[in-house]
Amino acid sequence: MSATVRSIEGQDEASLLREINNALRGLRFGAVEITVHNGQVVQIERKEKFRLQSPATRQA
């Protein structure tokens, strides 16, 4: 998933936490990066990794 920039000016803390929770939802491997500028959250970026295993090493 690529970076998403949303206008969050004027949002309250609950809205920011909801956006962070949405970015974390379902994430198994990866990272969520929160960018802050002048004391305000300006970007939430989700990087997701998909781990692939060969059939010989896969566990049932």
N, C-alpha and C. Protein backbone atom coordinates (compact mmCIF):
# COMPACT_ATOMS: atom_id res chain seq x y z
N MET A 1 0.84 -1.17 0.00
CA MET A 1 0.00 0.00 0.00
C MET A 1 0.88 1.23 0.00
N SER A 2 0.51 2.23 -0.74
CA SER A 2 1.32 3.44 -0.84
C SER A 2 0.86 4.46 0.20
N ALA A 3 1.62 5.54 0.30
CA ALA A 3 1.33 6.59 1.27
C ALA A 3 0.04 7.31 0.89
N THR A 4 -0.70 7.72 1.90
CA THR A 4 -1.92 8.48 1.70
C THR A 4 -1.82 9.75 2.52
N VAL A 5 -2.03 10.88 1.90
CA VAL A 5 -2.02 12.16 2.60
C VAL A 5 -3.46 12.62 2.71
N ARG A 6 -3.91 12.87 3.92
CA ARG A 6 -5.27 13.34 4.14
C ARG A 6 -5.22 14.67 4.85
N SER A 7 -6.15 15.53 4.56
CA SER A 7 -6.25 16.80 5.27
C SER A 7 -6.90 16.53 6.62
N ILE A 8 -6.14 16.72 7.69
CA ILE A 8 -6.67 16.45 9.02
C ILE A 8 -6.68 17.70 9.88
N GLU A 9 -6.56 18.85 9.24
CA GLU A 9 -6.57 20.11 9.96
C GLU A 9 -7.90 20.26 10.69
N GLY A 10 -7.84 20.59 11.97
CA GLY A 10 -9.05 20.81 12.74
C GLY A 10 -9.65 19.54 13.33
N GLN A 11 -9.06 18.38 13.07
CA GLN A 11 -9.59 17.15 13.65
C GLN A 11 -9.16 17.03 15.09
N ASP A 12 -9.99 16.40 15.87
CA ASP A 12 -9.67 16.20 17.28
C ASP A 12 -8.85 14.92 17.47
N GLU A 13 -8.42 14.71 18.70
CA GLU A 13 -7.56 13.57 19.02
C GLU A 13 -8.25 12.24 18.71
N ALA A 14 -9.54 12.15 18.96
CA ALA A 14 -10.27 10.91 18.69
C ALA A 14 -10.23 10.56 17.20
N SER A 15 -10.36 11.57 16.34
CA SER A 15 -10.30 11.33 14.90
C SER A 15 -8.92 10.85 14.47
N LEU A 16 -7.88 11.47 15.03
CA LEU A 16 -6.52 11.04 14.71
C LEU A 16 -6.29 9.60 15.15
N LEU A 17 -6.72 9.26 16.35
CA LEU A 17 -6.55 7.89 16.84
C LEU A 17 -7.32 6.90 15.99
N ARG A 18 -8.49 7.29 15.51
CA ARG A 18 -9.28 6.42 14.63
C ARG A 18 -8.53 6.17 13.32
N GLU A 19 -7.91 7.22 12.76
CA GLU A 19 -7.14 7.07 11.52
C GLU A 19 -5.92 6.15 11.73
N ILE A 20 -5.24 6.30 12.85
CA ILE A 20 -4.10 5.44 13.17
C ILE A 20 -4.56 4.01 13.34
N ASN A 21 -5.67 3.81 14.04
CA ASN A 21 -6.23 2.48 14.22
C ASN A 21 -6.59 1.84 12.88
N ASN A 22 -7.15 2.62 11.96
CA ASN A 22 -7.49 2.12 10.62
C ASN A 22 -6.22 1.69 9.87
N ALA A 23 -5.15 2.45 10.03
CA ALA A 23 -3.89 2.09 9.36
C ALA A 23 -3.32 0.80 9.93
N LEU A 24 -3.52 0.56 11.22
CA LEU A 24 -2.99 -0.65 11.86
C LEU A 24 -3.86 -1.88 11.63
N ARG A 25 -5.13 -1.67 11.36
CA ARG A 25 -6.08 -2.77 11.23
C ARG A 25 -5.65 -3.74 10.13
N GLY A 26 -5.50 -5.00 10.49
CA GLY A 26 -5.17 -6.04 9.53
C GLY A 26 -3.71 -6.11 9.13
N LEU A 27 -2.89 -5.26 9.69
CA LEU A 27 -1.47 -5.24 9.34
C LEU A 27 -0.75 -6.36 10.09
N ARG A 28 -0.16 -7.31 9.35
CA ARG A 28 0.57 -8.41 9.97
C ARG A 28 2.06 -8.16 9.97
N PHE A 29 2.59 -7.67 8.86
CA PHE A 29 4.02 -7.35 8.73
C PHE A 29 4.12 -5.99 8.06
N GLY A 30 4.83 -5.07 8.70
CA GLY A 30 4.98 -3.76 8.09
C GLY A 30 5.16 -2.67 9.13
N ALA A 31 4.79 -1.45 8.77
CA ALA A 31 4.98 -0.30 9.66
C ALA A 31 3.94 0.76 9.37
N VAL A 32 3.62 1.53 10.41
CA VAL A 32 2.79 2.71 10.27
C VAL A 32 3.64 3.89 10.72
N GLU A 33 3.81 4.86 9.84
CA GLU A 33 4.64 6.03 10.13
C GLU A 33 3.74 7.26 10.24
N ILE A 34 3.92 8.00 11.32
CA ILE A 34 3.14 9.21 11.56
C ILE A 34 4.08 10.40 11.44
N THR A 35 3.77 11.31 10.53
CA THR A 35 4.60 12.49 10.31
C THR A 35 3.96 13.69 11.00
N VAL A 36 4.77 14.37 11.81
CA VAL A 36 4.31 15.54 12.55
C VAL A 36 5.09 16.76 12.08
N HIS A 37 4.39 17.85 11.84
CA HIS A 37 5.02 19.10 11.42
C HIS A 37 4.40 20.23 12.25
N ASN A 38 5.25 21.00 12.92
CA ASN A 38 4.79 22.09 13.79
C ASN A 38 3.76 21.62 14.81
N GLY A 39 3.99 20.43 15.37
CA GLY A 39 3.12 19.91 16.42
C GLY A 39 1.80 19.35 15.95
N GLN A 40 1.60 19.21 14.63
CA GLN A 40 0.37 18.64 14.11
C GLN A 40 0.67 17.45 13.21
N VAL A 41 -0.16 16.43 13.31
CA VAL A 41 -0.03 15.27 12.43
C VAL A 41 -0.42 15.71 11.03
N VAL A 42 0.48 15.50 10.07
CA VAL A 42 0.20 15.90 8.70
C VAL A 42 0.11 14.72 7.74
N GLN A 43 0.58 13.55 8.18
CA GLN A 43 0.56 12.39 7.28
C GLN A 43 0.60 11.11 8.09
N ILE A 44 -0.14 10.12 7.63
CA ILE A 44 -0.10 8.76 8.18
C ILE A 44 0.19 7.84 7.01
N GLU A 45 1.29 7.10 7.10
CA GLU A 45 1.73 6.25 6.00
C GLU A 45 1.76 4.80 6.48
N ARG A 46 1.19 3.92 5.68
CA ARG A 46 1.16 2.49 5.99
C ARG A 46 2.01 1.76 4.96
N LYS A 47 2.97 0.98 5.46
CA LYS A 47 3.81 0.16 4.59
C LYS A 47 3.55 -1.29 4.98
N GLU A 48 3.10 -2.06 4.01
CA GLU A 48 2.76 -3.45 4.29
C GLU A 48 3.67 -4.38 3.52
N LYS A 49 4.12 -5.43 4.21
CA LYS A 49 4.98 -6.43 3.57
C LYS A 49 4.24 -7.75 3.52
N PHE A 50 4.44 -8.45 2.45
CA PHE A 50 3.87 -9.77 2.29
C PHE A 50 5.00 -10.77 2.28
N ARG A 51 4.99 -11.68 3.23
CA ARG A 51 6.04 -12.68 3.34
C ARG A 51 5.62 -13.93 2.58
N LEU A 52 6.48 -14.37 1.71
CA LEU A 52 6.22 -15.55 0.90
C LEU A 52 7.13 -16.68 1.36
N GLN A 53 6.57 -17.88 1.42
CA GLN A 53 7.35 -19.05 1.81
C GLN A 53 7.28 -20.06 0.68
N SER A 54 8.37 -20.78 0.51
CA SER A 54 8.35 -21.85 -0.49
C SER A 54 7.52 -23.01 0.05
N PRO A 55 6.92 -23.84 -0.83
CA PRO A 55 6.07 -24.95 -0.37
C PRO A 55 6.80 -25.91 0.58
N ALA A 56 8.11 -26.07 0.45
CA ALA A 56 8.85 -27.01 1.30
C ALA A 56 8.96 -26.51 2.74
N THR A 57 8.93 -25.20 2.97
CA THR A 57 9.09 -24.68 4.32
C THR A 57 7.78 -24.23 4.95
N ARG A 58 6.70 -24.28 4.21
CA ARG A 58 5.39 -23.84 4.71
C ARG A 58 4.86 -24.86 5.73
N GLN A 59 4.32 -24.35 6.82
CA GLN A 59 3.74 -25.22 7.85
C GLN A 59 2.23 -25.22 7.72
N ALA A 60 1.62 -26.35 7.98
CA ALA A 60 0.16 -26.49 7.85
C ALA A 60 -0.55 -26.02 9.09
